[in-house]
Amino acid sequence: MASYRIAVRYARSLFELSIDQHKVEEVKKDVDLFLNLCQNTRPLTLFLRNPVIPNYRKGVILKKIFESKVSKLTMSFIEIVTRKNREDLLVEIANIFIEKYREYKGILVASLESPVHLTQAEKNQIIKIIKEKEGKDKHIEFTERINKDMIGGYILTIGDRQINDSVAKKLSDLRQKLIV
């Protein structure tokens, strides 16, 4: 819990600094690059969390990896976090930064899990319904996941709410009614 609070403070600082310097979009691209690299390169994540490697070595390596790829503001932030021996929190800081960015831009994250691919028309219809419920000014970041194990139906997640209209859920509800 303490590490989460620390990550929130760092993310808030980076976000507010990027707003003050009018570099929100630039820093967001840098954070996306960092997260993408961490998600696709497990050794990098393990390296950041390794307590045996001294933080100054991590700082040198991170500088070599990112210096030519990210803005000066982002690189300075990475150096500060590393100097403070908090590099193990960089992934969490980046995720919280993305949350703050979405909140700032009015972006709502929605994901749909279903057993089959949806057509573009179906996706557009779902996005239209979400906008009607949440507000027309919201920008929807929509993702689709295919779950071949689902019998039918869908699970729609909008922000922190979930609409479970899957066959498995309906069967579970029916079972509960029959037991009572």
N, C-alpha and C. Protein backbone atom coordinates (compact mmCIF):
# COMPACT_ATOMS: atom_id res chain seq x y z
N MET A 1 0.83 -1.19 0.00
CA MET A 1 0.00 0.00 0.00
C MET A 1 0.87 1.25 0.00
N ALA A 2 1.94 1.25 0.77
CA ALA A 2 2.81 2.42 0.83
C ALA A 2 3.46 2.67 -0.53
N SER A 3 3.83 1.61 -1.22
CA SER A 3 4.46 1.79 -2.53
C SER A 3 3.47 2.39 -3.53
N TYR A 4 2.18 2.05 -3.40
CA TYR A 4 1.17 2.63 -4.28
C TYR A 4 1.06 4.14 -4.04
N ARG A 5 1.05 4.54 -2.78
CA ARG A 5 0.96 5.97 -2.46
C ARG A 5 2.17 6.73 -3.00
N ILE A 6 3.33 6.12 -2.89
CA ILE A 6 4.54 6.74 -3.41
C ILE A 6 4.44 6.88 -4.93
N ALA A 7 3.97 5.82 -5.59
CA ALA A 7 3.82 5.86 -7.05
C ALA A 7 2.83 6.93 -7.47
N VAL A 8 1.74 7.09 -6.72
CA VAL A 8 0.75 8.13 -7.02
C VAL A 8 1.39 9.50 -6.93
N ARG A 9 2.19 9.73 -5.91
CA ARG A 9 2.85 11.04 -5.75
C ARG A 9 3.78 11.33 -6.92
N TYR A 10 4.57 10.34 -7.31
CA TYR A 10 5.49 10.54 -8.43
C TYR A 10 4.71 10.77 -9.73
N ALA A 11 3.67 9.97 -9.96
CA ALA A 11 2.88 10.11 -11.18
C ALA A 11 2.20 11.48 -11.23
N ARG A 12 1.66 11.91 -10.10
CA ARG A 12 1.01 13.23 -10.04
C ARG A 12 2.02 14.33 -10.33
N SER A 13 3.22 14.20 -9.77
CA SER A 13 4.27 15.19 -10.00
C SER A 13 4.64 15.26 -11.48
N LEU A 14 4.83 14.11 -12.10
CA LEU A 14 5.17 14.08 -13.52
C LEU A 14 4.04 14.67 -14.35
N PHE A 15 2.82 14.32 -14.01
CA PHE A 15 1.69 14.81 -14.78
C PHE A 15 1.55 16.33 -14.65
N GLU A 16 1.62 16.84 -13.43
CA GLU A 16 1.50 18.28 -13.23
C GLU A 16 2.64 19.04 -13.88
N LEU A 17 3.83 18.48 -13.83
CA LEU A 17 4.98 19.11 -14.49
C LEU A 17 4.80 19.13 -16.01
N SER A 18 4.27 18.05 -16.55
CA SER A 18 4.04 18.01 -18.00
C SER A 18 2.96 19.01 -18.43
N ILE A 19 1.97 19.24 -17.57
CA ILE A 19 0.95 20.25 -17.86
C ILE A 19 1.57 21.64 -17.81
N ASP A 20 2.36 21.90 -16.76
CA ASP A 20 3.00 23.22 -16.61
C ASP A 20 3.90 23.55 -17.80
N GLN A 21 4.57 22.55 -18.33
CA GLN A 21 5.49 22.77 -19.44
C GLN A 21 4.83 22.54 -20.81
N HIS A 22 3.52 22.32 -20.81
CA HIS A 22 2.76 22.09 -22.05
C HIS A 22 3.33 20.93 -22.87
N LYS A 23 3.66 19.85 -22.18
CA LYS A 23 4.24 18.68 -22.83
C LYS A 23 3.49 17.40 -22.46
N VAL A 24 2.20 17.52 -22.22
CA VAL A 24 1.41 16.36 -21.79
C VAL A 24 1.44 15.27 -22.85
N GLU A 25 1.19 15.64 -24.10
CA GLU A 25 1.15 14.65 -25.17
C GLU A 25 2.51 13.99 -25.38
N GLU A 26 3.55 14.79 -25.30
CA GLU A 26 4.91 14.28 -25.50
C GLU A 26 5.26 13.27 -24.40
N VAL A 27 4.98 13.62 -23.15
CA VAL A 27 5.27 12.73 -22.03
C VAL A 27 4.39 11.49 -22.09
N LYS A 28 3.15 11.66 -22.53
CA LYS A 28 2.25 10.50 -22.66
C LYS A 28 2.81 9.50 -23.67
N LYS A 29 3.34 10.00 -24.78
CA LYS A 29 3.96 9.11 -25.77
C LYS A 29 5.16 8.38 -25.17
N ASP A 30 5.95 9.11 -24.38
CA ASP A 30 7.11 8.50 -23.73
C ASP A 30 6.69 7.40 -22.76
N VAL A 31 5.64 7.69 -21.98
CA VAL A 31 5.14 6.71 -21.01
C VAL A 31 4.58 5.49 -21.73
N ASP A 32 3.87 5.71 -22.84
CA ASP A 32 3.37 4.59 -23.65
C ASP A 32 4.52 3.73 -24.15
N LEU A 33 5.57 4.37 -24.63
CA LEU A 33 6.75 3.65 -25.11
C LEU A 33 7.37 2.82 -23.98
N PHE A 34 7.51 3.43 -22.82
CA PHE A 34 8.09 2.72 -21.67
C PHE A 34 7.24 1.52 -21.28
N LEU A 35 5.92 1.73 -21.17
CA LEU A 35 5.03 0.62 -20.79
C LEU A 35 5.04 -0.49 -21.83
N ASN A 36 5.02 -0.11 -23.09
CA ASN A 36 5.05 -1.10 -24.17
C ASN A 36 6.34 -1.92 -24.10
N LEU A 37 7.44 -1.24 -23.86
CA LEU A 37 8.72 -1.93 -23.76
C LEU A 37 8.74 -2.88 -22.55
N CYS A 38 8.19 -2.42 -21.43
CA CYS A 38 8.16 -3.27 -20.23
C CYS A 38 7.24 -4.48 -20.42
N GLN A 39 6.12 -4.29 -21.10
CA GLN A 39 5.19 -5.39 -21.33
C GLN A 39 5.75 -6.42 -22.29
N ASN A 40 6.54 -5.97 -23.25
CA ASN A 40 7.06 -6.89 -24.26
C ASN A 40 8.46 -7.40 -23.94
N THR A 41 9.09 -6.85 -22.91
CA THR A 41 10.44 -7.25 -22.55
C THR A 41 10.48 -7.57 -21.06
N ARG A 42 10.21 -8.80 -20.74
CA ARG A 42 10.19 -9.22 -19.33
C ARG A 42 11.52 -8.97 -18.62
N PRO A 43 12.67 -9.17 -19.28
CA PRO A 43 13.94 -8.90 -18.59
C PRO A 43 14.07 -7.46 -18.10
N LEU A 44 13.47 -6.50 -18.82
CA LEU A 44 13.53 -5.11 -18.37
C LEU A 44 12.78 -4.93 -17.06
N THR A 45 11.60 -5.52 -16.97
CA THR A 45 10.81 -5.44 -15.74
C THR A 45 11.54 -6.12 -14.58
N LEU A 46 12.14 -7.27 -14.84
CA LEU A 46 12.90 -7.98 -13.80
C LEU A 46 14.13 -7.17 -13.39
N PHE A 47 14.77 -6.54 -14.36
CA PHE A 47 15.92 -5.69 -14.09
C PHE A 47 15.55 -4.53 -13.16
N LEU A 48 14.41 -3.88 -13.43
CA LEU A 48 13.98 -2.74 -12.61
C LEU A 48 13.68 -3.16 -11.17
N ARG A 49 13.20 -4.38 -10.99
CA ARG A 49 12.82 -4.86 -9.66
C ARG A 49 13.94 -5.59 -8.93
N ASN A 50 15.05 -5.80 -9.59
CA ASN A 50 16.15 -6.56 -9.00
C ASN A 50 16.85 -5.73 -7.91
N PRO A 51 16.78 -6.19 -6.64
CA PRO A 51 17.40 -5.42 -5.55
C PRO A 51 18.92 -5.56 -5.49
N VAL A 52 19.48 -6.52 -6.21
CA VAL A 52 20.92 -6.75 -6.16
C VAL A 52 21.67 -5.72 -7.01
N ILE A 53 21.06 -5.28 -8.10
CA ILE A 53 21.71 -4.29 -8.98
C ILE A 53 21.59 -2.91 -8.33
N PRO A 54 22.71 -2.23 -8.14
CA PRO A 54 22.66 -0.90 -7.52
C PRO A 54 21.90 0.10 -8.40
N ASN A 55 21.25 1.06 -7.75
CA ASN A 55 20.42 1.99 -8.51
C ASN A 55 21.23 2.86 -9.47
N TYR A 56 22.49 3.18 -9.16
CA TYR A 56 23.27 3.98 -10.10
C TYR A 56 23.53 3.22 -11.40
N ARG A 57 23.68 1.88 -11.30
CA ARG A 57 23.87 1.05 -12.51
C ARG A 57 22.57 1.02 -13.32
N LYS A 58 21.47 0.91 -12.61
CA LYS A 58 20.17 0.93 -13.29
C LYS A 58 19.99 2.26 -14.00
N GLY A 59 20.39 3.33 -13.35
CA GLY A 59 20.27 4.66 -13.95
C GLY A 59 21.07 4.78 -15.24
N VAL A 60 22.27 4.26 -15.23
CA VAL A 60 23.13 4.31 -16.43
C VAL A 60 22.50 3.51 -17.56
N ILE A 61 22.01 2.33 -17.24
CA ILE A 61 21.40 1.47 -18.27
C ILE A 61 20.11 2.08 -18.79
N LEU A 62 19.27 2.60 -17.91
CA LEU A 62 18.03 3.24 -18.35
C LEU A 62 18.33 4.45 -19.23
N LYS A 63 19.37 5.18 -18.89
CA LYS A 63 19.74 6.34 -19.71
C LYS A 63 20.16 5.91 -21.11
N LYS A 64 20.93 4.82 -21.19
CA LYS A 64 21.36 4.32 -22.50
C LYS A 64 20.17 3.83 -23.33
N ILE A 65 19.20 3.23 -22.66
CA ILE A 65 18.03 2.71 -23.37
C ILE A 65 17.12 3.83 -23.85
N PHE A 66 16.85 4.81 -22.98
CA PHE A 66 15.78 5.77 -23.26
C PHE A 66 16.22 7.16 -23.68
N GLU A 67 17.46 7.54 -23.48
CA GLU A 67 17.87 8.93 -23.71
C GLU A 67 17.53 9.44 -25.11
N SER A 68 17.75 8.63 -26.11
CA SER A 68 17.49 9.08 -27.48
C SER A 68 16.03 8.87 -27.90
N LYS A 69 15.23 8.22 -27.06
CA LYS A 69 13.87 7.88 -27.45
C LYS A 69 12.79 8.70 -26.74
N VAL A 70 13.14 9.34 -25.63
CA VAL A 70 12.14 10.09 -24.85
C VAL A 70 12.56 11.55 -24.71
N SER A 71 11.62 12.37 -24.29
CA SER A 71 11.88 13.80 -24.11
C SER A 71 12.82 14.03 -22.92
N LYS A 72 13.37 15.23 -22.88
CA LYS A 72 14.27 15.57 -21.77
C LYS A 72 13.53 15.54 -20.44
N LEU A 73 12.29 15.98 -20.45
CA LEU A 73 11.50 15.99 -19.22
C LEU A 73 11.33 14.56 -18.69
N THR A 74 10.97 13.64 -19.56
CA THR A 74 10.77 12.25 -19.15
C THR A 74 12.09 11.63 -18.68
N MET A 75 13.16 11.92 -19.40
CA MET A 75 14.47 11.36 -19.03
C MET A 75 14.91 11.91 -17.68
N SER A 76 14.69 13.19 -17.44
CA SER A 76 15.02 13.78 -16.13
C SER A 76 14.22 13.13 -15.02
N PHE A 77 12.96 12.86 -15.30
CA PHE A 77 12.10 12.21 -14.32
C PHE A 77 12.62 10.81 -14.00
N ILE A 78 12.98 10.05 -15.02
CA ILE A 78 13.51 8.69 -14.82
C ILE A 78 14.79 8.76 -13.98
N GLU A 79 15.64 9.74 -14.26
CA GLU A 79 16.89 9.89 -13.50
C GLU A 79 16.60 10.21 -12.04
N ILE A 80 15.62 11.07 -11.77
CA ILE A 80 15.28 11.43 -10.39
C ILE A 80 14.74 10.20 -9.65
N VAL A 81 13.84 9.48 -10.29
CA VAL A 81 13.25 8.29 -9.66
C VAL A 81 14.34 7.26 -9.37
N THR A 82 15.28 7.11 -10.28
CA THR A 82 16.37 6.16 -10.08
C THR A 82 17.29 6.62 -8.96
N ARG A 83 17.59 7.91 -8.92
CA ARG A 83 18.44 8.45 -7.86
C ARG A 83 17.82 8.25 -6.48
N LYS A 84 16.49 8.31 -6.43
CA LYS A 84 15.78 8.13 -5.16
C LYS A 84 15.56 6.65 -4.83
N ASN A 85 16.13 5.77 -5.65
CA ASN A 85 16.04 4.31 -5.46
C ASN A 85 14.59 3.81 -5.53
N ARG A 86 13.80 4.38 -6.47
CA ARG A 86 12.40 4.01 -6.65
C ARG A 86 12.14 3.44 -8.04
N GLU A 87 13.18 2.99 -8.72
CA GLU A 87 13.02 2.49 -10.09
C GLU A 87 12.12 1.27 -10.18
N ASP A 88 11.97 0.54 -9.07
CA ASP A 88 11.06 -0.60 -9.08
C ASP A 88 9.60 -0.16 -9.19
N LEU A 89 9.34 1.13 -8.98
CA LEU A 89 7.97 1.66 -9.08
C LEU A 89 7.67 2.30 -10.43
N LEU A 90 8.64 2.31 -11.34
CA LEU A 90 8.45 3.01 -12.62
C LEU A 90 7.25 2.51 -13.41
N VAL A 91 7.02 1.21 -13.44
CA VAL A 91 5.88 0.67 -14.18
C VAL A 91 4.58 1.13 -13.54
N GLU A 92 4.51 1.06 -12.22
CA GLU A 92 3.30 1.50 -11.52
C GLU A 92 3.09 3.01 -11.69
N ILE A 93 4.16 3.78 -11.64
CA ILE A 93 4.07 5.23 -11.86
C ILE A 93 3.54 5.51 -13.26
N ALA A 94 4.04 4.78 -14.24
CA ALA A 94 3.60 4.97 -15.62
C ALA A 94 2.12 4.64 -15.78
N ASN A 95 1.67 3.56 -15.17
CA ASN A 95 0.24 3.19 -15.25
C ASN A 95 -0.65 4.25 -14.61
N ILE A 96 -0.23 4.79 -13.48
CA ILE A 96 -1.01 5.83 -12.81
C ILE A 96 -1.00 7.11 -13.64
N PHE A 97 0.14 7.41 -14.27
CA PHE A 97 0.20 8.57 -15.16
C PHE A 97 -0.84 8.45 -16.28
N ILE A 98 -0.94 7.25 -16.87
CA ILE A 98 -1.91 7.02 -17.94
C ILE A 98 -3.33 7.23 -17.42
N GLU A 99 -3.63 6.77 -16.21
CA GLU A 99 -4.95 6.99 -15.61
C GLU A 99 -5.23 8.49 -15.48
N LYS A 100 -4.25 9.23 -15.00
CA LYS A 100 -4.41 10.68 -14.84
C LYS A 100 -4.60 11.36 -16.19
N TYR A 101 -3.86 10.89 -17.18
CA TYR A 101 -3.99 11.45 -18.53
C TYR A 101 -5.41 11.23 -19.07
N ARG A 102 -5.92 10.02 -18.91
CA ARG A 102 -7.27 9.71 -19.39
C ARG A 102 -8.31 10.56 -18.68
N GLU A 103 -8.14 10.72 -17.38
CA GLU A 103 -9.06 11.55 -16.61
C GLU A 103 -9.01 13.01 -17.10
N TYR A 104 -7.82 13.51 -17.34
CA TYR A 104 -7.59 14.88 -17.82
C TYR A 104 -8.22 15.12 -19.19
N LYS A 105 -8.12 14.13 -20.06
CA LYS A 105 -8.63 14.24 -21.43
C LYS A 105 -10.08 13.79 -21.57
N GLY A 106 -10.67 13.26 -20.49
CA GLY A 106 -12.05 12.78 -20.55
C GLY A 106 -12.20 11.50 -21.35
N ILE A 107 -11.19 10.64 -21.27
CA ILE A 107 -11.20 9.37 -22.00
C ILE A 107 -11.75 8.28 -21.08
N LEU A 108 -12.70 7.55 -21.60
CA LEU A 108 -13.31 6.45 -20.85
C LEU A 108 -12.86 5.13 -21.48
N VAL A 109 -12.36 4.23 -20.67
CA VAL A 109 -11.88 2.94 -21.16
C VAL A 109 -13.02 1.92 -21.10
N ALA A 110 -13.28 1.29 -22.23
CA ALA A 110 -14.32 0.26 -22.31
C ALA A 110 -13.72 -0.97 -23.00
N SER A 111 -14.02 -2.14 -22.45
CA SER A 111 -13.55 -3.36 -23.10
C SER A 111 -14.69 -4.37 -23.13
N LEU A 112 -14.73 -5.12 -24.20
CA LEU A 112 -15.77 -6.11 -24.38
C LEU A 112 -15.12 -7.47 -24.56
N GLU A 113 -15.59 -8.42 -23.79
CA GLU A 113 -15.12 -9.80 -23.89
C GLU A 113 -16.26 -10.63 -24.44
N SER A 114 -16.00 -11.31 -25.55
CA SER A 114 -17.04 -12.13 -26.17
C SER A 114 -16.39 -13.34 -26.85
N PRO A 115 -17.21 -14.34 -27.22
CA PRO A 115 -16.63 -15.53 -27.85
C PRO A 115 -16.30 -15.35 -29.33
N VAL A 116 -16.82 -14.30 -29.96
CA VAL A 116 -16.59 -14.08 -31.39
C VAL A 116 -16.20 -12.62 -31.65
N HIS A 117 -15.56 -12.39 -32.81
CA HIS A 117 -15.23 -11.03 -33.22
C HIS A 117 -16.50 -10.28 -33.57
N LEU A 118 -16.52 -9.00 -33.23
CA LEU A 118 -17.64 -8.15 -33.61
C LEU A 118 -17.34 -7.46 -34.93
N THR A 119 -18.38 -7.15 -35.66
CA THR A 119 -18.19 -6.36 -36.88
C THR A 119 -17.95 -4.91 -36.47
N GLN A 120 -17.46 -4.11 -37.38
CA GLN A 120 -17.22 -2.70 -37.09
C GLN A 120 -18.53 -1.99 -36.76
N ALA A 121 -19.60 -2.37 -37.44
CA ALA A 121 -20.91 -1.77 -37.17
C ALA A 121 -21.37 -2.07 -35.73
N GLU A 122 -21.13 -3.29 -35.27
CA GLU A 122 -21.50 -3.67 -33.90
C GLU A 122 -20.67 -2.89 -32.88
N LYS A 123 -19.37 -2.74 -33.16
CA LYS A 123 -18.50 -1.96 -32.27
C LYS A 123 -18.98 -0.51 -32.20
N ASN A 124 -19.28 0.05 -33.35
CA ASN A 124 -19.76 1.43 -33.40
C ASN A 124 -21.06 1.59 -32.62
N GLN A 125 -21.94 0.61 -32.71
CA GLN A 125 -23.20 0.66 -31.98
C GLN A 125 -22.97 0.62 -30.46
N ILE A 126 -22.05 -0.21 -30.03
CA ILE A 126 -21.72 -0.31 -28.60
C ILE A 126 -21.12 1.02 -28.12
N ILE A 127 -20.22 1.58 -28.90
CA ILE A 127 -19.61 2.87 -28.53
C ILE A 127 -20.67 3.96 -28.47
N LYS A 128 -21.62 3.95 -29.39
CA LYS A 128 -22.71 4.93 -29.40
C LYS A 128 -23.56 4.81 -28.13
N ILE A 129 -23.88 3.59 -27.73
CA ILE A 129 -24.67 3.36 -26.52
C ILE A 129 -23.90 3.83 -25.28
N ILE A 130 -22.60 3.53 -25.23
CA ILE A 130 -21.79 3.97 -24.09
C ILE A 130 -21.76 5.49 -24.01
N LYS A 131 -21.61 6.15 -25.15
CA LYS A 131 -21.58 7.63 -25.16
C LYS A 131 -22.91 8.21 -24.70
N GLU A 132 -24.02 7.57 -25.07
CA GLU A 132 -25.33 8.05 -24.63
C GLU A 132 -25.46 7.94 -23.11
N LYS A 133 -24.94 6.86 -22.55
CA LYS A 133 -25.03 6.64 -21.10
C LYS A 133 -24.05 7.51 -20.31
N GLU A 134 -22.85 7.67 -20.84
CA GLU A 134 -21.79 8.35 -20.10
C GLU A 134 -21.65 9.83 -20.41
N GLY A 135 -22.16 10.25 -21.54
CA GLY A 135 -22.02 11.65 -21.95
C GLY A 135 -21.39 11.72 -23.32
N LYS A 136 -21.97 12.51 -24.17
CA LYS A 136 -21.52 12.59 -25.56
C LYS A 136 -20.11 13.17 -25.70
N ASP A 137 -19.67 13.94 -24.71
CA ASP A 137 -18.35 14.56 -24.79
C ASP A 137 -17.21 13.59 -24.47
N LYS A 138 -17.54 12.42 -23.98
CA LYS A 138 -16.52 11.43 -23.62
C LYS A 138 -15.92 10.80 -24.88
N HIS A 139 -14.64 10.61 -24.84
CA HIS A 139 -13.95 9.84 -25.87
C HIS A 139 -13.82 8.42 -25.33
N ILE A 140 -14.18 7.45 -26.12
CA ILE A 140 -14.17 6.05 -25.68
C ILE A 140 -12.93 5.35 -26.25
N GLU A 141 -12.15 4.76 -25.36
CA GLU A 141 -11.02 3.91 -25.76
C GLU A 141 -11.52 2.48 -25.66
N PHE A 142 -11.88 1.90 -26.81
CA PHE A 142 -12.58 0.62 -26.84
C PHE A 142 -11.63 -0.50 -27.26
N THR A 143 -11.64 -1.58 -26.48
CA THR A 143 -10.87 -2.76 -26.85
C THR A 143 -11.78 -3.98 -26.82
N GLU A 144 -11.42 -4.94 -27.63
CA GLU A 144 -12.20 -6.16 -27.73
C GLU A 144 -11.30 -7.34 -27.43
N ARG A 145 -11.78 -8.26 -26.58
CA ARG A 145 -11.05 -9.49 -26.28
C ARG A 145 -11.91 -10.67 -26.65
N ILE A 146 -11.30 -11.62 -27.31
CA ILE A 146 -12.00 -12.84 -27.69
C ILE A 146 -11.70 -13.91 -26.64
N ASN A 147 -12.76 -14.51 -26.11
CA ASN A 147 -12.62 -15.58 -25.14
C ASN A 147 -13.35 -16.80 -25.70
N LYS A 148 -12.59 -17.71 -26.27
CA LYS A 148 -13.17 -18.90 -26.90
C LYS A 148 -13.86 -19.81 -25.88
N ASP A 149 -13.53 -19.66 -24.60
CA ASP A 149 -14.14 -20.49 -23.56
C ASP A 149 -15.55 -20.04 -23.19
N MET A 150 -15.92 -18.82 -23.60
CA MET A 150 -17.28 -18.35 -23.31
C MET A 150 -18.27 -19.10 -24.19
N ILE A 151 -19.38 -19.46 -23.60
CA ILE A 151 -20.42 -20.16 -24.36
C ILE A 151 -21.15 -19.17 -25.27
N GLY A 152 -21.45 -18.02 -24.72
CA GLY A 152 -22.16 -16.99 -25.46
C GLY A 152 -22.34 -15.77 -24.59
N GLY A 153 -22.88 -14.72 -25.16
CA GLY A 153 -23.08 -13.47 -24.43
C GLY A 153 -21.84 -12.61 -24.48
N TYR A 154 -21.73 -11.71 -23.50
CA TYR A 154 -20.59 -10.80 -23.45
C TYR A 154 -20.39 -10.28 -22.03
N ILE A 155 -19.21 -9.74 -21.81
CA ILE A 155 -18.89 -9.03 -20.56
C ILE A 155 -18.34 -7.68 -20.99
N LEU A 156 -19.06 -6.63 -20.66
CA LEU A 156 -18.67 -5.27 -21.02
C LEU A 156 -18.16 -4.57 -19.76
N THR A 157 -16.95 -4.05 -19.83
CA THR A 157 -16.36 -3.32 -18.71
C THR A 157 -16.19 -1.88 -19.14
N ILE A 158 -16.79 -0.97 -18.37
CA ILE A 158 -16.70 0.46 -18.64
C ILE A 158 -16.13 1.12 -17.40
N GLY A 159 -14.89 1.57 -17.50
CA GLY A 159 -14.23 2.13 -16.33
C GLY A 159 -14.11 1.07 -15.26
N ASP A 160 -14.75 1.30 -14.12
CA ASP A 160 -14.68 0.32 -13.03
C ASP A 160 -15.99 -0.45 -12.87
N ARG A 161 -16.90 -0.32 -13.83
CA ARG A 161 -18.17 -1.06 -13.78
C ARG A 161 -18.15 -2.19 -14.80
N GLN A 162 -18.93 -3.21 -14.51
CA GLN A 162 -18.96 -4.37 -15.40
C GLN A 162 -20.40 -4.81 -15.61
N ILE A 163 -20.72 -5.07 -16.88
CA ILE A 163 -22.02 -5.62 -17.26
C ILE A 163 -21.75 -7.03 -17.76
N ASN A 164 -22.19 -8.02 -16.97
CA ASN A 164 -21.94 -9.41 -17.32
C ASN A 164 -23.23 -10.01 -17.87
N ASP A 165 -23.30 -10.13 -19.18
CA ASP A 165 -24.47 -10.70 -19.84
C ASP A 165 -24.05 -11.99 -20.55
N SER A 166 -23.21 -12.77 -19.86
CA SER A 166 -22.74 -14.02 -20.45
C SER A 166 -23.70 -15.16 -20.10
N VAL A 167 -23.66 -16.19 -20.89
CA VAL A 167 -24.49 -17.36 -20.65
C VAL A 167 -24.11 -18.00 -19.31
N ALA A 168 -22.82 -18.05 -19.00
CA ALA A 168 -22.36 -18.63 -17.74
C ALA A 168 -22.96 -17.87 -16.55
N LYS A 169 -23.03 -16.56 -16.62
CA LYS A 169 -23.61 -15.76 -15.54
C LYS A 169 -25.11 -16.03 -15.42
N LYS A 170 -25.79 -16.12 -16.56
CA LYS A 170 -27.23 -16.40 -16.53
C LYS A 170 -27.51 -17.78 -15.94
N LEU A 171 -26.68 -18.76 -16.28
CA LEU A 171 -26.84 -20.10 -15.71
C LEU A 171 -26.57 -20.08 -14.20
N SER A 172 -25.59 -19.32 -13.78
CA SER A 172 -25.28 -19.20 -12.36
C SER A 172 -26.44 -18.54 -11.61
N ASP A 173 -27.02 -17.49 -12.20
CA ASP A 173 -28.17 -16.84 -11.59
C ASP A 173 -29.36 -17.79 -11.48
N LEU A 174 -29.58 -18.55 -12.54
CA LEU A 174 -30.68 -19.53 -12.55
C LEU A 174 -30.47 -20.58 -11.47
N ARG A 175 -29.23 -21.06 -11.33
CA ARG A 175 -28.90 -22.05 -10.31
C ARG A 175 -29.20 -21.50 -8.92
N GLN A 176 -28.84 -20.23 -8.67
CA GLN A 176 -29.12 -19.60 -7.38
C GLN A 176 -30.61 -19.51 -7.09
N LYS A 177 -31.40 -19.20 -8.12
CA LYS A 177 -32.85 -19.10 -7.94
C LYS A 177 -33.45 -20.46 -7.63
N LEU A 178 -32.94 -21.52 -8.27
CA LEU A 178 -33.47 -22.85 -8.05
C LEU A 178 -33.10 -23.40 -6.68
N ILE A 179 -31.94 -23.01 -6.19
CA ILE A 179 -31.50 -23.48 -4.87
C ILE A 179 -32.35 -22.85 -3.78
N VAL A 180 -32.70 -21.60 -3.94
CA VAL A 180 -33.48 -20.87 -2.91
C VAL A 180 -34.90 -21.27 -3.02
